[in-house]
Amino acid sequence: MKHLYYILLVISFVSCKNDVSNTSTSTSTEAETQTIKKSALIEAFEYSANAAPIISVHRGGKSIKNYPENCLETLQYVNDSIPAIYEIDVAKTTDHKLVLLHDNSLERTTTGIGKLTSHTYKELSDYYLKDAFGNETTFKIPLFTDVLKWAKTNNVILTVDIKRSVNVETVIDAIRAEKAEDVCIIITYDMQQAKNAYKLAPDLLLSVSARNEKELGWLLGSNIPTENMLAFTGTRLSPNNFYKTVQSHGIKTILGTLGNLDKQAESKGDVPYKLWQDKGIDVFATDRPFATAKALGIKK
């Protein structure tokens, strides 16, 4: 997948430059953030006509037998097979450790009981992750810092979904502490979240909600540069001209095929993935990464 390999080359090049820079990484004042180097992803994810599609693996791999969602071993497993980026969910324990977990309750995805926010990380370490079919595995709930380290080492891009238990600034500080700005995209869901994230981290690429003309207009009228935007267009198909309008501003489009659209594609022999690409979809956020990659001709 030439386009994703280009992205990774840009990341490697810019990361090397940033490593020798004395640029401040503090987020405490606006003056300090203005001196920070832009993430390599801002250039790498700029819209380009005829670029190869990109797969975004929902929850790091949600429906793979024996491989749980939001699990470091699952990220490694998928990454060994296909080029992709990975959407992960970051939550916080009662002792302020950042971990990967989607639900606030533990029962669905782990052998634990109760709320994540009522447990320390040490308590969580006694539990094991379960796959989407309820099978217990030998894998543990990973620390966000460990996933960041892995992503940097392997030039893997993460899209970071910040759960309600966590302050956005805390996650950004964790990314900066690991010098992982060139492999992280921050997910936002509304205009206020997008503005807040941009204020805290004007150097990072943001996934922003642009499900229709009204939301796109809000974004274009904001102080957020379009180069900082990836447009999440929702989990339903929009008119073809909408995707072209988004792209005309230099912004890549993301379609959430996870859920109903993935099921629709499966029932039709996966043909729709290619049709959706032709409509103007740049990034496919999917629960079926292997099937999507095959349908779109994406290979390592």
Protein backbone atom coordinates (compact mmCIF):
# COMPACT_ATOMS: atom_id res chain seq x y z
CA MET A 1 0.00 0.00 0.00
CA LYS A 2 2.17 2.80 -1.36
CA HIS A 3 0.30 5.69 0.27
CA LEU A 4 0.50 4.29 3.79
CA TYR A 5 4.17 3.47 3.32
CA TYR A 6 4.68 7.11 2.26
CA ILE A 7 2.94 8.20 5.46
CA LEU A 8 5.28 6.04 7.52
CA LEU A 9 8.32 7.42 5.71
CA VAL A 10 7.19 10.97 6.50
CA ILE A 11 6.72 9.99 10.14
CA SER A 12 10.21 8.51 10.34
CA PHE A 13 11.82 11.55 8.71
CA VAL A 14 10.05 14.15 10.81
CA SER A 15 10.52 12.15 14.02
CA CYS A 16 14.27 12.11 13.44
CA LYS A 17 14.27 15.89 13.01
CA ASN A 18 12.18 16.36 16.15
CA ASP A 19 14.52 14.16 18.19
CA VAL A 20 17.39 16.59 17.64
CA SER A 21 15.23 19.67 18.20
CA ASN A 22 15.17 21.56 21.48
CA THR A 23 11.54 22.53 20.91
CA SER A 24 9.45 22.75 24.09
CA THR A 25 6.79 20.08 24.59
CA SER A 26 4.83 21.80 27.33
CA THR A 27 1.10 22.38 26.83
CA SER A 28 0.77 24.81 29.72
CA THR A 29 0.68 28.06 27.72
CA GLU A 30 -0.33 29.12 24.24
CA ALA A 31 3.06 30.72 23.64
CA GLU A 32 4.81 27.42 24.31
CA THR A 33 2.53 25.35 22.06
CA GLN A 34 3.13 27.73 19.15
CA THR A 35 6.81 26.67 19.06
CA ILE A 36 6.07 22.95 18.79
CA LYS A 37 6.79 21.21 15.49
CA LYS A 38 3.75 20.06 13.53
CA SER A 39 3.02 16.35 13.64
CA ALA A 40 4.26 14.51 10.56
CA LEU A 41 0.70 13.27 10.12
CA ILE A 42 -0.55 16.74 9.13
CA GLU A 43 1.42 16.53 5.90
CA ALA A 44 1.05 12.79 5.45
CA PHE A 45 -2.77 12.82 5.69
CA GLU A 46 -3.39 15.78 3.41
CA TYR A 47 -5.96 14.82 0.78
CA SER A 48 -4.52 13.68 -2.51
CA ALA A 49 -6.55 12.50 -5.48
CA ASN A 50 -6.08 8.84 -6.41
CA ALA A 51 -4.33 8.03 -3.12
CA ALA A 52 -4.71 4.46 -1.89
CA PRO A 53 -7.39 3.88 0.76
CA ILE A 54 -6.49 3.45 4.42
CA ILE A 55 -7.99 0.99 6.89
CA SER A 56 -8.69 2.16 10.44
CA VAL A 57 -9.14 -0.83 12.72
CA HIS A 58 -12.03 -0.10 15.12
CA ARG A 59 -11.08 -0.57 18.79
CA GLY A 60 -7.76 -1.98 17.63
CA GLY A 61 -9.45 -5.16 16.38
CA LYS A 62 -12.95 -5.83 17.66
CA SER A 63 -14.26 -9.07 16.17
CA ILE A 64 -11.24 -11.35 15.85
CA LYS A 65 -11.47 -14.74 17.55
CA ASN A 66 -8.98 -15.10 20.43
CA TYR A 67 -7.84 -11.50 20.02
CA PRO A 68 -9.62 -8.92 22.23
CA GLU A 69 -10.33 -5.31 21.36
CA ASN A 70 -8.03 -2.61 22.80
CA CYS A 71 -5.30 -5.18 23.30
CA LEU A 72 -1.63 -4.70 22.42
CA GLU A 73 -1.29 -8.29 21.21
CA THR A 74 -4.23 -7.73 18.85
CA LEU A 75 -2.60 -4.63 17.40
CA GLN A 76 0.55 -6.67 16.81
CA TYR A 77 -1.42 -9.52 15.23
CA VAL A 78 -3.28 -7.30 12.76
CA ASN A 79 -0.19 -5.23 12.00
CA ASP A 80 1.71 -8.38 11.02
CA SER A 81 -0.87 -9.03 8.29
CA ILE A 82 -2.05 -5.74 6.78
CA PRO A 83 -1.05 -2.06 6.72
CA ALA A 84 -3.55 -0.12 8.82
CA ILE A 85 -4.06 2.54 11.45
CA TYR A 86 -5.69 1.71 14.78
CA GLU A 87 -8.51 3.38 16.69
CA ILE A 88 -8.03 2.81 20.41
CA ASP A 89 -9.97 3.88 23.52
CA VAL A 90 -8.12 5.52 26.41
CA ALA A 91 -9.62 5.49 29.92
CA LYS A 92 -8.28 6.18 33.42
CA THR A 93 -8.08 4.06 36.55
CA THR A 94 -8.77 5.31 40.07
CA ASP A 95 -5.01 5.76 40.61
CA HIS A 96 -4.77 7.89 37.43
CA LYS A 97 -3.17 5.33 35.12
CA LEU A 98 -4.17 5.60 31.45
CA VAL A 99 -5.22 2.25 29.98
CA LEU A 100 -6.98 0.92 26.90
CA LEU A 101 -10.62 0.01 27.52
CA HIS A 102 -13.85 0.99 25.78
CA ASP A 103 -16.47 0.35 28.47
CA ASN A 104 -16.48 1.83 31.95
CA SER A 105 -17.66 -1.57 33.21
CA LEU A 106 -15.27 -4.51 33.08
CA GLU A 107 -17.60 -7.46 32.50
CA ARG A 108 -17.93 -7.46 28.69
CA THR A 109 -14.25 -7.38 27.76
CA THR A 110 -12.43 -8.66 30.86
CA THR A 111 -12.70 -11.27 33.61
CA GLY A 112 -13.15 -8.45 36.12
CA ILE A 113 -16.33 -7.10 37.72
CA GLY A 114 -17.43 -3.52 38.40
CA LYS A 115 -16.37 -0.16 37.01
CA LEU A 116 -12.94 0.59 35.63
CA THR A 117 -12.90 3.89 37.50
CA SER A 118 -13.23 2.01 40.80
CA HIS A 119 -10.08 -0.05 40.25
CA THR A 120 -6.38 0.68 40.52
CA TYR A 121 -4.12 -0.50 37.74
CA LYS A 122 -2.63 -3.11 40.08
CA GLU A 123 -6.12 -4.53 40.64
CA LEU A 124 -6.76 -4.60 36.90
CA SER A 125 -3.56 -6.58 36.38
CA ASP A 126 -5.26 -9.57 38.03
CA TYR A 127 -7.81 -9.75 35.20
CA TYR A 128 -7.63 -11.10 31.66
CA LEU A 129 -9.12 -9.75 28.44
CA LYS A 130 -11.92 -11.57 26.62
CA ASP A 131 -12.50 -11.57 22.88
CA ALA A 132 -15.77 -10.47 21.23
CA PHE A 133 -17.12 -14.02 21.53
CA GLY A 134 -16.61 -14.25 25.28
CA ASN A 135 -13.45 -16.36 25.13
CA GLU A 136 -10.96 -15.64 27.92
CA THR A 137 -7.41 -14.99 26.71
CA THR A 138 -4.04 -14.70 28.42
CA PHE A 139 -3.79 -11.01 27.51
CA LYS A 140 -3.95 -8.13 29.97
CA ILE A 141 -5.36 -4.59 29.87
CA PRO A 142 -2.50 -2.52 28.39
CA LEU A 143 -1.14 0.77 29.62
CA PHE A 144 -1.48 3.60 27.12
CA THR A 145 2.23 4.38 27.49
CA ASP A 146 3.16 0.83 26.46
CA VAL A 147 0.97 1.11 23.35
CA LEU A 148 2.55 4.46 22.48
CA LYS A 149 6.02 2.94 22.80
CA TRP A 150 5.01 0.05 20.54
CA ALA A 151 3.48 2.40 17.97
CA LYS A 152 6.62 4.54 17.84
CA THR A 153 8.89 1.53 17.51
CA ASN A 154 6.82 0.05 14.70
CA ASN A 155 5.78 3.31 12.96
CA VAL A 156 2.12 2.52 13.58
CA ILE A 157 -0.50 5.28 13.61
CA LEU A 158 -3.07 5.46 16.42
CA THR A 159 -6.35 7.36 16.43
CA VAL A 160 -7.03 8.08 20.08
CA ASP A 161 -10.60 8.05 21.39
CA ILE A 162 -10.59 9.72 24.82
CA LYS A 163 -13.23 8.36 27.20
CA ARG A 164 -15.23 10.50 29.62
CA SER A 165 -13.11 9.47 32.60
CA VAL A 166 -10.09 11.23 31.11
CA ASN A 167 -9.17 14.86 30.60
CA VAL A 168 -8.01 15.55 27.04
CA GLU A 169 -4.96 17.45 28.28
CA THR A 170 -3.88 14.39 30.30
CA VAL A 171 -3.83 12.27 27.15
CA ILE A 172 -1.99 14.92 25.16
CA ASP A 173 0.60 15.20 27.94
CA ALA A 174 1.07 11.41 27.85
CA ILE A 175 1.60 11.54 24.08
CA ARG A 176 4.15 14.31 24.47
CA ALA A 177 5.94 12.47 27.28
CA GLU A 178 6.54 9.56 24.90
CA LYS A 179 7.33 11.92 21.98
CA ALA A 180 4.57 10.15 20.06
CA GLU A 181 3.06 13.19 18.33
CA ASP A 182 3.98 11.78 14.91
CA VAL A 183 1.95 8.59 15.41
CA CYS A 184 -1.18 9.93 17.17
CA ILE A 185 -4.44 11.43 15.90
CA ILE A 186 -6.87 12.85 18.48
CA ILE A 187 -10.55 11.97 18.00
CA THR A 188 -13.17 14.64 18.71
CA TYR A 189 -16.96 14.35 18.43
CA ASP A 190 -18.28 17.91 18.31
CA MET A 191 -17.21 21.46 17.61
CA GLN A 192 -16.40 22.31 21.22
CA GLN A 193 -14.21 19.23 21.66
CA ALA A 194 -12.41 20.02 18.41
CA LYS A 195 -11.75 23.62 19.43
CA ASN A 196 -10.50 22.51 22.86
CA ALA A 197 -8.20 19.86 21.40
CA TYR A 198 -6.78 22.31 18.86
CA LYS A 199 -6.16 24.91 21.57
CA LEU A 200 -4.25 22.35 23.63
CA ALA A 201 -2.41 20.77 20.71
CA PRO A 202 -2.32 22.85 17.53
CA ASP A 203 0.47 20.61 16.26
CA LEU A 204 -1.62 17.42 16.20
CA LEU A 205 -3.94 15.99 13.58
CA LEU A 206 -7.58 15.80 14.69
CA SER A 207 -10.43 13.54 13.65
CA VAL A 208 -13.40 15.92 13.52
CA SER A 209 -17.10 15.27 13.05
CA ALA A 210 -18.32 16.34 9.60
CA ARG A 211 -21.41 14.27 8.95
CA ASN A 212 -23.22 16.86 6.85
CA GLU A 213 -22.91 20.30 5.27
CA LYS A 214 -23.83 22.09 8.52
CA GLU A 215 -21.09 20.42 10.56
CA LEU A 216 -18.57 20.96 7.77
CA GLY A 217 -19.53 24.64 7.70
CA TRP A 218 -18.95 24.96 11.45
CA LEU A 219 -15.48 23.46 11.05
CA LEU A 220 -14.57 25.67 8.11
CA GLY A 221 -15.72 28.71 10.07
CA SER A 222 -13.63 27.81 13.11
CA ASN A 223 -10.04 28.76 13.87
CA ILE A 224 -8.90 25.19 13.22
CA PRO A 225 -6.82 24.95 10.01
CA THR A 226 -8.14 22.42 7.51
CA GLU A 227 -4.68 20.83 7.46
CA ASN A 228 -5.33 19.69 11.06
CA MET A 229 -8.55 17.90 10.09
CA LEU A 230 -9.60 14.40 9.17
CA ALA A 231 -13.34 14.40 8.53
CA PHE A 232 -15.33 11.60 10.16
CA THR A 233 -18.46 11.54 8.01
CA GLY A 234 -20.46 9.18 10.22
CA THR A 235 -21.64 5.58 9.99
CA ARG A 236 -24.16 6.21 7.21
CA LEU A 237 -23.52 7.03 3.59
CA SER A 238 -23.80 10.65 2.50
CA PRO A 239 -24.49 11.97 -1.01
CA ASN A 240 -21.48 11.53 -3.28
CA ASN A 241 -21.02 15.28 -3.75
CA PHE A 242 -20.55 15.73 0.02
CA TYR A 243 -17.36 13.64 0.07
CA LYS A 244 -16.02 15.59 -2.91
CA THR A 245 -16.82 18.86 -1.13
CA VAL A 246 -14.87 17.77 1.95
CA GLN A 247 -11.92 16.69 -0.19
CA SER A 248 -11.98 20.00 -2.09
CA HIS A 249 -10.76 21.61 1.15
CA GLY A 250 -7.77 19.25 1.30
CA ILE A 251 -9.41 17.08 3.98
CA LYS A 252 -9.49 13.28 3.86
CA THR A 253 -12.80 11.55 4.55
CA ILE A 254 -13.44 8.73 7.04
CA LEU A 255 -16.48 6.47 6.77
CA GLY A 256 -17.45 4.37 9.79
CA THR A 257 -18.39 1.11 8.12
CA LEU A 258 -18.34 -0.51 11.56
CA GLY A 259 -21.74 -1.94 12.36
CA ASN A 260 -24.45 -1.85 9.67
CA LEU A 261 -22.29 -0.99 6.67
CA ASP A 262 -19.83 -3.78 7.45
CA LYS A 263 -22.77 -6.20 7.67
CA GLN A 264 -24.13 -4.87 4.39
CA ALA A 265 -20.76 -5.35 2.72
CA GLU A 266 -20.43 -8.89 4.06
CA SER A 267 -23.86 -9.84 2.71
CA LYS A 268 -22.85 -8.61 -0.75
CA GLY A 269 -19.51 -10.36 -1.02
CA ASP A 270 -17.55 -7.28 0.15
CA VAL A 271 -18.11 -5.54 -3.19
CA PRO A 272 -19.47 -2.35 -1.53
CA TYR A 273 -16.08 -1.43 -0.06
CA LYS A 274 -14.72 -0.69 -3.52
CA LEU A 275 -17.91 1.17 -4.47
CA TRP A 276 -17.60 3.33 -1.35
CA GLN A 277 -13.99 4.09 -2.19
CA ASP A 278 -15.15 5.30 -5.61
CA LYS A 279 -17.69 7.57 -3.90
CA GLY A 280 -14.88 9.43 -2.17
CA ILE A 281 -13.97 7.51 0.98
CA ASP A 282 -10.31 7.78 1.97
CA VAL A 283 -10.31 5.96 5.32
CA PHE A 284 -12.46 2.95 6.26
CA ALA A 285 -13.12 2.62 10.01
CA THR A 286 -14.08 -1.04 10.16
CA ASP A 287 -14.66 -4.07 12.37
CA ARG A 288 -13.61 -6.28 9.42
CA PRO A 289 -10.05 -5.16 8.66
CA PHE A 290 -8.92 -8.32 6.86
CA ALA A 291 -12.00 -8.52 4.62
CA THR A 292 -11.83 -4.79 3.89
CA ALA A 293 -8.14 -5.00 3.00
CA LYS A 294 -8.78 -7.89 0.63
CA ALA A 295 -11.70 -6.13 -1.06
CA LEU A 296 -9.65 -2.97 -1.57
CA GLY A 297 -6.50 -4.79 -2.67
CA ILE A 298 -4.44 -3.59 0.30
CA LYS A 299 -1.41 -5.75 1.08
CA LYS A 300 1.73 -5.56 3.18
